[in-house]
C-alpha atoms as a PDB file:
ATOM      1  CA  THR A   1       0.017   0.097  -0.041  1.00  0.00           C
ATOM      2  CA  ALA A   2       2.609   2.564   0.906  1.00  0.00           C
ATOM      3  CA  ALA A   3       4.568   1.502  -2.702  1.00  0.00           C
ATOM      4  CA  LYS A   4       0.812   2.460  -4.300  1.00  0.00           C
ATOM      5  CA  ALA A   5       0.917   5.551  -2.031  1.00  0.00           C
ATOM      6  CA  GLY A   6       3.919   6.127  -3.864  1.00  0.00           C
ATOM      7  CA  GLY A   7       3.657   5.360  -7.019  1.00  0.00           C
ATOM      8  CA  ASP A   8       0.349   7.517  -7.192  1.00  0.00           C
ATOM      9  CA  GLU A   9       2.948  10.916  -5.959  1.00  0.00           C
ATOM     10  CA  THR A  10       5.469  10.193  -7.994  1.00  0.00           C
ATOM     11  CA  ALA A  11       3.311  10.432 -10.811  1.00  0.00           C
ATOM     12  CA  ARG A  12       1.469  13.124  -9.557  1.00  0.00           C
ATOM     13  CA  ASN A  13       3.812  15.216  -8.930  1.00  0.00           C
ATOM     14  CA  SER A  14       5.080  14.506 -12.487  1.00  0.00           C
ATOM     15  CA  LYS A  15       2.064  15.718 -14.053  1.00  0.00           C
ATOM     16  CA  ARG A  16       2.396  18.916 -12.599  1.00  0.00           C
ATOM     17  CA  ARG A  17       5.702  19.770 -13.834  1.00  0.00           C
ATOM     18  CA  GLN A  18       4.213  18.880 -17.433  1.00  0.00           C
ATOM     19  CA  GLU A  19       1.648  21.323 -16.940  1.00  0.00           C
ATOM     20  CA  PRO A  20       3.633  24.181 -17.015  1.00  0.00           C
ATOM     21  CA  GLN A  21       5.469  22.609 -20.252  1.00  0.00           C
ATOM     22  CA  LYS A  22       2.173  22.678 -21.924  1.00  0.00           C
ATOM     23  CA  GLN A  23       0.571  25.379 -21.394  1.00  0.00           C
ATOM     24  CA  GLN A  24       4.239  27.007 -22.384  1.00  0.00           C
ATOM     25  CA  GLN A  25       3.810  25.153 -25.687  1.00  0.00           C
ATOM     26  CA  GLN A  26       0.550  26.141 -25.759  1.00  0.00           C
ATOM     27  CA  GLN A  27       0.598  29.625 -25.394  1.00  0.00           C
ATOM     28  CA  GLN A  28       4.237  29.632 -28.623  1.00  0.00           C
ATOM     29  CA  GLN A  29       1.617  27.974 -30.740  1.00  0.00           C
ATOM     30  CA  GLY A  30      -0.687  30.510 -30.390  1.00  0.00           C
ATOM     31  CA  ALA A  31       1.660  32.934 -30.872  1.00  0.00           C
ATOM     32  CA  GLN A  32       2.591  31.696 -34.184  1.00  0.00           C
ATOM     33  CA  ILE A  33      -0.936  31.117 -35.222  1.00  0.00           C
ATOM     34  CA  LEU A  34      -1.251  34.894 -34.667  1.00  0.00           C
ATOM     35  CA  HIS A  35       1.957  35.617 -35.992  1.00  0.00           C
ATOM     36  CA  GLY A  36       1.214  34.023 -38.635  1.00  0.00           C
ATOM     37  CA  LEU A  37      -2.619  35.538 -39.373  1.00  0.00           C
ATOM     38  CA  ARG A  38      -0.551  39.209 -39.073  1.00  0.00           C
ATOM     39  CA  LEU A  39       1.873  38.140 -42.634  1.00  0.00           C
ATOM     40  CA  LEU A  40      -0.867  36.209 -44.264  1.00  0.00           C
ATOM     41  CA  LEU A  41      -2.977  39.769 -43.940  1.00  0.00           C
ATOM     42  CA  ARG A  42      -0.247  42.039 -44.657  1.00  0.00           C
ATOM     43  CA  ASN A  43       0.003  39.957 -48.395  1.00  0.00           C
ATOM     44  CA  ASP A  44      -2.106  41.289 -50.971  1.00  0.00           C
ATOM     45  CA  ASP A  45      -1.583  37.316 -52.821  1.00  0.00           C
ATOM     46  CA  ALA A  46      -2.253  35.180 -49.828  1.00  0.00           C
ATOM     47  CA  VAL A  47      -4.904  36.784 -48.701  1.00  0.00           C
ATOM     48  CA  LEU A  48      -6.715  36.154 -52.687  1.00  0.00           C
ATOM     49  CA  PHE A  49      -5.879  32.978 -52.701  1.00  0.00           C
ATOM     50  CA  PHE A  50      -7.795  31.728 -48.721  1.00  0.00           C
ATOM     51  CA  PHE A  51     -10.495  33.653 -50.286  1.00  0.00           C
ATOM     52  CA  LEU A  52     -10.790  31.441 -53.162  1.00  0.00           C
ATOM     53  CA  VAL A  53      -9.899  28.949 -50.266  1.00  0.00           C
ATOM     54  CA  PHE A  54     -13.007  29.208 -49.287  1.00  0.00           C
ATOM     55  CA  VAL A  55     -15.273  29.940 -51.757  1.00  0.00           C
ATOM     56  CA  VAL A  56     -14.220  26.352 -53.345  1.00  0.00           C
ATOM     57  CA  GLY A  57     -14.858  25.190 -49.864  1.00  0.00           C
ATOM     58  CA  VAL A  58     -18.439  26.735 -49.539  1.00  0.00           C
ATOM     59  CA  SER A  59     -19.461  25.200 -53.344  1.00  0.00           C
ATOM     60  CA  SER A  60     -18.110  21.971 -52.026  1.00  0.00           C
ATOM     61  CA  GLY A  61     -20.515  21.871 -49.192  1.00  0.00           C
ATOM     62  CA  VAL A  62     -23.237  23.174 -51.389  1.00  0.00           C
ATOM     63  CA  ILE A  63     -22.378  20.013 -54.161  1.00  0.00           C
ATOM     64  CA  GLU A  64     -21.196  17.260 -51.819  1.00  0.00           C
ATOM     65  CA  ASN A  65     -24.230  17.190 -49.770  1.00  0.00           C
ATOM     66  CA  PHE A  66     -27.032  17.932 -51.836  1.00  0.00           C
ATOM     67  CA  ALA A  67     -25.812  16.130 -55.325  1.00  0.00           C
ATOM     68  CA  TYR A  68     -26.947  12.480 -54.440  1.00  0.00           C
ATOM     69  CA  VAL A  69     -30.010  13.792 -52.756  1.00  0.00           C
ATOM     70  CA  ARG A  70     -30.352  15.330 -56.902  1.00  0.00           C
ATOM     71  CA  LEU A  71     -29.905  11.426 -58.006  1.00  0.00           C
ATOM     72  CA  ARG A  72     -31.802  10.247 -55.485  1.00  0.00           C
ATOM     73  CA  GLU A  73     -34.336  13.177 -57.410  1.00  0.00           C
ATOM     74  CA  VAL A  74     -34.136  12.023 -60.415  1.00  0.00           C
ATOM     75  CA  GLY A  75     -34.909   8.049 -59.881  1.00  0.00           C
ATOM     76  CA  GLY A  76     -30.838   7.204 -58.861  1.00  0.00           C
ATOM     77  CA  THR A  77     -30.307   4.382 -56.440  1.00  0.00           C
ATOM     78  CA  GLY A  78     -27.355   3.375 -53.974  1.00  0.00           C
ATOM     79  CA  ARG A  79     -26.178   1.433 -57.769  1.00  0.00           C
ATOM     80  CA  GLU A  80     -25.807   5.040 -59.714  1.00  0.00           C
ATOM     81  CA  MET A  81     -24.160   6.300 -56.301  1.00  0.00           C
ATOM     82  CA  GLY A  82     -21.366   4.116 -56.015  1.00  0.00           C
ATOM     83  CA  LEU A  83     -21.035   4.562 -59.707  1.00  0.00           C
ATOM     84  CA  SER A  84     -20.633   8.330 -59.731  1.00  0.00           C
ATOM     85  CA  ARG A  85     -18.035   7.517 -56.700  1.00  0.00           C
ATOM     86  CA  LEU A  86     -16.270   5.236 -58.445  1.00  0.00           C
ATOM     87  CA  VAL A  87     -15.795   7.670 -61.883  1.00  0.00           C
ATOM     88  CA  SER A  88     -14.453  10.763 -59.578  1.00  0.00           C
ATOM     89  CA  SER A  89     -12.095   8.775 -57.697  1.00  0.00           C
ATOM     90  CA  ALA A  90     -10.484   6.988 -61.680  1.00  0.00           C
ATOM     91  CA  ALA A  91     -10.429  10.423 -62.747  1.00  0.00           C
ATOM     92  CA  GLY A  92      -8.804  12.340 -59.738  1.00  0.00           C
ATOM     93  CA  ALA A  93      -6.379   9.610 -59.075  1.00  0.00           C
ATOM     94  CA  PRO A  94      -3.574  10.796 -62.684  1.00  0.00           C
ATOM     95  CA  MET A  95      -4.642  14.370 -61.523  1.00  0.00           C
ATOM     96  CA  PHE A  96      -2.652  14.700 -58.537  1.00  0.00           C
ATOM     97  CA  TRP A  97       0.554  13.066 -60.666  1.00  0.00           C
ATOM     98  CA  PHE A  98       0.125  16.077 -63.322  1.00  0.00           C
ATOM     99  CA  SER A  99      -1.431  18.852 -60.874  1.00  0.00           C
ATOM    100  CA  GLY A 100       2.546  19.743 -61.010  1.00  0.00           C
ATOM    101  CA  PRO A 101       3.342  20.742 -64.077  1.00  0.00           C
ATOM    102  CA  LEU A 102      -0.283  22.499 -64.680  1.00  0.00           C
ATOM    103  CA  THR A 103       0.473  24.776 -61.503  1.00  0.00           C
ATOM    104  CA  GLN A 104       3.798  25.485 -63.102  1.00  0.00           C
ATOM    105  CA  LYS A 105       2.704  26.889 -66.495  1.00  0.00           C
ATOM    106  CA  LEU A 106      -0.841  28.320 -65.401  1.00  0.00           C
ATOM    107  CA  GLY A 107      -0.270  29.597 -61.971  1.00  0.00           C
ATOM    108  CA  ALA A 108      -2.000  28.521 -58.816  1.00  0.00           C
ATOM    109  CA  ASP A 109      -4.795  32.012 -58.827  1.00  0.00           C
ATOM    110  CA  ARG A 110      -5.887  30.518 -62.738  1.00  0.00           C
ATOM    111  CA  VAL A 111      -6.554  27.292 -61.496  1.00  0.00           C
ATOM    112  CA  LEU A 112      -8.277  27.878 -58.414  1.00  0.00           C
ATOM    113  CA  VAL A 113     -10.330  30.218 -60.823  1.00  0.00           C
ATOM    114  CA  LEU A 114     -10.957  26.923 -62.874  1.00  0.00           C
ATOM    115  CA  SER A 115     -11.951  24.791 -59.950  1.00  0.00           C
ATOM    116  CA  LEU A 116     -14.384  27.353 -59.374  1.00  0.00           C
ATOM    117  CA  LEU A 117     -15.477  27.263 -62.744  1.00  0.00           C
ATOM    118  CA  SER A 118     -15.698  23.921 -62.859  1.00  0.00           C
ATOM    119  CA  TYR A 119     -18.317  23.994 -59.935  1.00  0.00           C
ATOM    120  CA  VAL A 120     -20.003  26.406 -62.239  1.00  0.00           C
ATOM    121  CA  VAL A 121     -20.207  23.230 -64.571  1.00  0.00           C
ATOM    122  CA  ARG A 122     -21.260  20.142 -62.366  1.00  0.00           C
ATOM    123  CA  PHE A 123     -24.008  22.763 -60.341  1.00  0.00           C
ATOM    124  CA  PHE A 124     -25.553  23.206 -64.114  1.00  0.00           C
ATOM    125  CA  VAL A 125     -24.893  19.771 -65.109  1.00  0.00           C
ATOM    126  CA  TYR A 126     -27.032  18.234 -61.598  1.00  0.00           C
ATOM    127  CA  ALA A 127     -29.624  21.013 -62.325  1.00  0.00           C
ATOM    128  CA  GLY A 128     -30.291  20.196 -65.595  1.00  0.00           C
ATOM    129  CA  MET A 129     -30.063  16.070 -65.126  1.00  0.00           C
ATOM    130  CA  THR A 130     -33.286  13.946 -65.559  1.00  0.00           C
ATOM    131  CA  ARG A 131     -31.621  10.625 -65.591  1.00  0.00           C
ATOM    132  CA  PRO A 132     -29.297   9.393 -62.504  1.00  0.00           C
ATOM    133  CA  LEU A 133     -26.092   8.028 -65.208  1.00  0.00           C
ATOM    134  CA  GLN A 134     -26.318  12.187 -66.361  1.00  0.00           C
ATOM    135  CA  GLY A 135     -24.060  13.288 -63.567  1.00  0.00           C
ATOM    136  CA  LEU A 136     -21.383  10.916 -64.430  1.00  0.00           C
ATOM    137  CA  PRO A 137     -19.449  13.884 -66.279  1.00  0.00           C
ATOM    138  CA  ALA A 138     -20.152  16.238 -62.998  1.00  0.00           C
ATOM    139  CA  GLU A 139     -18.564  13.069 -61.067  1.00  0.00           C
ATOM    140  CA  ALA A 140     -15.385  12.841 -63.458  1.00  0.00           C
ATOM    141  CA  LEU A 141     -15.549  15.912 -63.119  1.00  0.00           C
ATOM    142  CA  ARG A 142     -15.415  16.542 -59.831  1.00  0.00           C
ATOM    143  CA  GLY A 143     -12.242  14.113 -59.123  1.00  0.00           C
ATOM    144  CA  VAL A 144      -9.800  16.279 -61.898  1.00  0.00           C
ATOM    145  CA  THR A 145     -11.081  18.969 -59.739  1.00  0.00           C
ATOM    146  CA  PHE A 146     -10.639  17.583 -56.390  1.00  0.00           C
ATOM    147  CA  ALA A 147      -7.073  16.636 -57.487  1.00  0.00           C
ATOM    148  CA  ALA A 148      -5.833  19.886 -59.447  1.00  0.00           C
ATOM    149  CA  PHE A 149      -6.997  22.664 -56.960  1.00  0.00           C
ATOM    150  CA  TRP A 150      -6.161  20.388 -53.464  1.00  0.00           C
ATOM    151  CA  SER A 151      -2.346  20.136 -54.974  1.00  0.00           C
ATOM    152  CA  THR A 152      -1.971  23.612 -56.094  1.00  0.00           C
ATOM    153  CA  GLY A 153      -3.443  24.552 -52.561  1.00  0.00           C
ATOM    154  CA  THR A 154      -1.000  22.688 -50.748  1.00  0.00           C
ATOM    155  CA  VAL A 155       1.862  23.385 -52.721  1.00  0.00           C
ATOM    156  CA  PHE A 156       1.434  26.755 -52.548  1.00  0.00           C
ATOM    157  CA  ALA A 157       0.226  27.274 -49.514  1.00  0.00           C
ATOM    158  CA  HIS A 158       3.680  25.613 -48.252  1.00  0.00           C
ATOM    159  CA  ARG A 159       5.789  27.931 -50.581  1.00  0.00           C
ATOM    160  CA  ILE A 160       4.325  30.993 -48.865  1.00  0.00           C
ATOM    161  CA  SER A 161       4.879  29.863 -45.514  1.00  0.00           C
ATOM    162  CA  PRO A 162       7.402  31.595 -43.640  1.00  0.00           C
ATOM    163  CA  PRO A 163      10.258  29.777 -41.793  1.00  0.00           C
ATOM    164  CA  GLY A 164       8.865  27.562 -39.642  1.00  0.00           C
ATOM    165  CA  MET A 165       5.579  27.698 -40.459  1.00  0.00           C
ATOM    166  CA  GLY A 166       4.575  25.854 -42.980  1.00  0.00           C
ATOM    167  CA  ALA A 167       1.844  23.614 -40.738  1.00  0.00           C
ATOM    168  CA  THR A 168       0.373  27.019 -39.745  1.00  0.00           C
ATOM    169  CA  MET A 169      -0.396  28.026 -42.934  1.00  0.00           C
ATOM    170  CA  LEU A 170      -1.554  24.381 -43.761  1.00  0.00           C
ATOM    171  CA  MET A 171      -3.826  24.406 -41.022  1.00  0.00           C
ATOM    172  CA  PHE A 172      -5.059  27.836 -42.071  1.00  0.00           C
ATOM    173  CA  LEU A 173      -5.509  25.886 -45.873  1.00  0.00           C
ATOM    174  CA  ASN A 174      -7.704  23.346 -44.162  1.00  0.00           C
ATOM    175  CA  ALA A 175      -9.571  25.518 -42.265  1.00  0.00           C
ATOM    176  CA  MET A 176     -10.600  27.543 -44.539  1.00  0.00           C
ATOM    177  CA  TYR A 177     -11.560  24.589 -47.078  1.00  0.00           C
ATOM    178  CA  GLY A 178     -13.114  21.983 -44.590  1.00  0.00           C
ATOM    179  CA  GLY A 179     -13.990  23.962 -41.612  1.00  0.00           C
ATOM    180  CA  LEU A 180     -15.006  27.145 -42.714  1.00  0.00           C
ATOM    181  CA  GLY A 181     -16.179  26.556 -45.955  1.00  0.00           C
ATOM    182  CA  GLN A 182     -17.431  23.497 -46.352  1.00  0.00           C
ATOM    183  CA  SER A 183     -19.358  24.146 -43.347  1.00  0.00           C
ATOM    184  CA  MET A 184     -21.013  27.484 -44.424  1.00  0.00           C
ATOM    185  CA  GLY A 185     -21.942  25.722 -48.023  1.00  0.00           C
ATOM    186  CA  ALA A 186     -23.615  22.639 -46.038  1.00  0.00           C
ATOM    187  CA  ILE A 187     -25.276  25.676 -44.293  1.00  0.00           C
ATOM    188  CA  ILE A 188     -26.197  27.454 -47.039  1.00  0.00           C
ATOM    189  CA  GLY A 189     -27.135  24.685 -49.106  1.00  0.00           C
ATOM    190  CA  GLY A 190     -29.227  23.453 -46.683  1.00  0.00           C
ATOM    191  CA  LYS A 191     -31.351  26.869 -46.201  1.00  0.00           C
ATOM    192  CA  LEU A 192     -31.997  26.853 -49.951  1.00  0.00           C
ATOM    193  CA  GLN A 193     -32.753  23.511 -50.633  1.00  0.00           C
ATOM    194  CA  SER A 194     -35.694  23.498 -48.170  1.00  0.00           C
ATOM    195  CA  ARG A 195     -36.910  27.111 -49.678  1.00  0.00           C
ATOM    196  CA  LEU A 196     -36.043  26.148 -53.463  1.00  0.00           C
ATOM    197  CA  GLY A 197     -35.672  22.888 -54.288  1.00  0.00           C
ATOM    198  CA  THR A 198     -31.968  21.082 -54.899  1.00  0.00           C
ATOM    199  CA  ALA A 199     -32.629  22.105 -58.995  1.00  0.00           C
ATOM    200  CA  LYS A 200     -32.776  25.834 -58.481  1.00  0.00           C
ATOM    201  CA  THR A 201     -30.055  25.811 -55.424  1.00  0.00           C
ATOM    202  CA  PHE A 202     -27.543  24.339 -57.808  1.00  0.00           C
ATOM    203  CA  VAL A 203     -28.396  27.141 -60.153  1.00  0.00           C
ATOM    204  CA  TYR A 204     -28.512  29.617 -58.316  1.00  0.00           C
ATOM    205  CA  SER A 205     -24.862  28.287 -56.810  1.00  0.00           C
ATOM    206  CA  GLY A 206     -23.566  28.107 -60.505  1.00  0.00           C
ATOM    207  CA  LEU A 207     -24.716  31.869 -61.842  1.00  0.00           C
ATOM    208  CA  PHE A 208     -23.102  32.714 -58.330  1.00  0.00           C
ATOM    209  CA  ASP A 209     -19.900  30.859 -58.644  1.00  0.00           C
ATOM    210  CA  LEU A 210     -19.486  32.166 -62.885  1.00  0.00           C
ATOM    211  CA  ALA A 211     -20.325  35.995 -61.514  1.00  0.00           C
ATOM    212  CA  PHE A 212     -17.110  35.516 -58.776  1.00  0.00           C
ATOM    213  CA  ALA A 213     -14.629  33.839 -60.780  1.00  0.00           C
ATOM    214  CA  ILE A 214     -14.862  36.289 -63.645  1.00  0.00           C
ATOM    215  CA  GLY A 215     -15.247  38.956 -60.593  1.00  0.00           C
ATOM    216  CA  VAL A 216     -11.725  37.401 -59.898  1.00  0.00           C
ATOM    217  CA  GLY A 217     -10.422  37.299 -63.272  1.00  0.00           C
ATOM    218  CA  LEU A 218     -11.336  40.637 -64.487  1.00  0.00           C
ATOM    219  CA  TYR A 219      -9.189  41.880 -60.984  1.00  0.00           C
ATOM    220  CA  LEU A 220      -6.012  39.496 -61.761  1.00  0.00           C
ATOM    221  CA  LYS A 221      -5.785  40.616 -65.121  1.00  0.00           C
ATOM    222  CA  ALA A 222      -6.118  44.664 -64.376  1.00  0.00           C
ATOM    223  CA  ARG A 223      -3.965  44.258 -61.599  1.00  0.00           C
ATOM    224  CA  GLY A 224      -1.121  42.787 -63.992  1.00  0.00           C
ATOM    225  CA  GLY A 225       1.518  40.895 -61.897  1.00  0.00           C
ATOM    226  CA  ASN A 226       0.889  39.112 -58.913  1.00  0.00           C
ATOM    227  CA  GLY A 227       2.779  36.326 -56.744  1.00  0.00           C
ATOM    228  CA  PHE A 228       1.174  33.397 -58.094  1.00  0.00           C
ATOM    229  CA  ARG A 229       3.139  32.223 -60.686  1.00  0.00           C
ATOM    230  CA  ASP A 230       6.614  32.424 -58.204  1.00  0.00           C
ATOM    231  CA  PRO A 231       4.845  32.208 -54.561  1.00  0.00           C
ATOM    232  CA  ARG A 232       7.443  33.214 -51.710  1.00  0.00           C
ATOM    233  CA  PRO A 233       7.827  33.097 -47.985  1.00  0.00           C
ATOM    234  CA  MET A 234       5.210  35.193 -46.917  1.00  0.00           C
ATOM    235  CA  GLY A 235       8.237  37.147 -44.621  1.00  0.00           C
ATOM    236  CA  GLU A 236      10.416  37.593 -47.605  1.00  0.00           C
ATOM    237  CA  VAL A 237       7.564  39.707 -50.300  1.00  0.00           C
ATOM    238  CA  ALA A 238       7.028  41.578 -46.979  1.00  0.00           C
ATOM    239  CA  ALA A 239      10.484  42.671 -46.705  1.00  0.00           C
END
């Protein structure tokens, strides 16, 4: 019993010694995140990049939550849904390989705008289809789109990361796409779908993405040079 009590006391002492270290690590992580946010907000290319990622995330949240609802509405079953996912995966796998040269040739900004335009096509395909298999082209486009978008986004976020902040920038990428973006898309899509129906929700979502993509394209053209073709760490750009 005495040995057990001594062991418990040792464990408690060890835990007390570790608590300040954990608090210090948490403070350092918080300071690093705030520093990353400050650098990000000072960099126009980074702000535009993460906002584009957010809009793509919203579009993904709408379409991923309601695409199969639309398939059901036109008579789709589990078989068509499984086939759709198979087509999407098969189309996306090769694109992960070719996304690097594509990004180098076009630039991350154009790849993201093209990804957004592909959502426009997918929204309109789903809205207009009358049979389940008519959605297969949209599913193939989904695979290509996600592979190009995610590969490009990950590489760009890594390249603009200041030294020692690569994980922080990737966290921002995941937060803007999967956290804020897709969550917001699911909420907005649910509100629209309950009021307008699935088809009209996709039509309005496609029109919004089209208008936004055109606006971004005009902005980039008017602005001229930017850092999307040759991204550098944000600290170097600010300097």
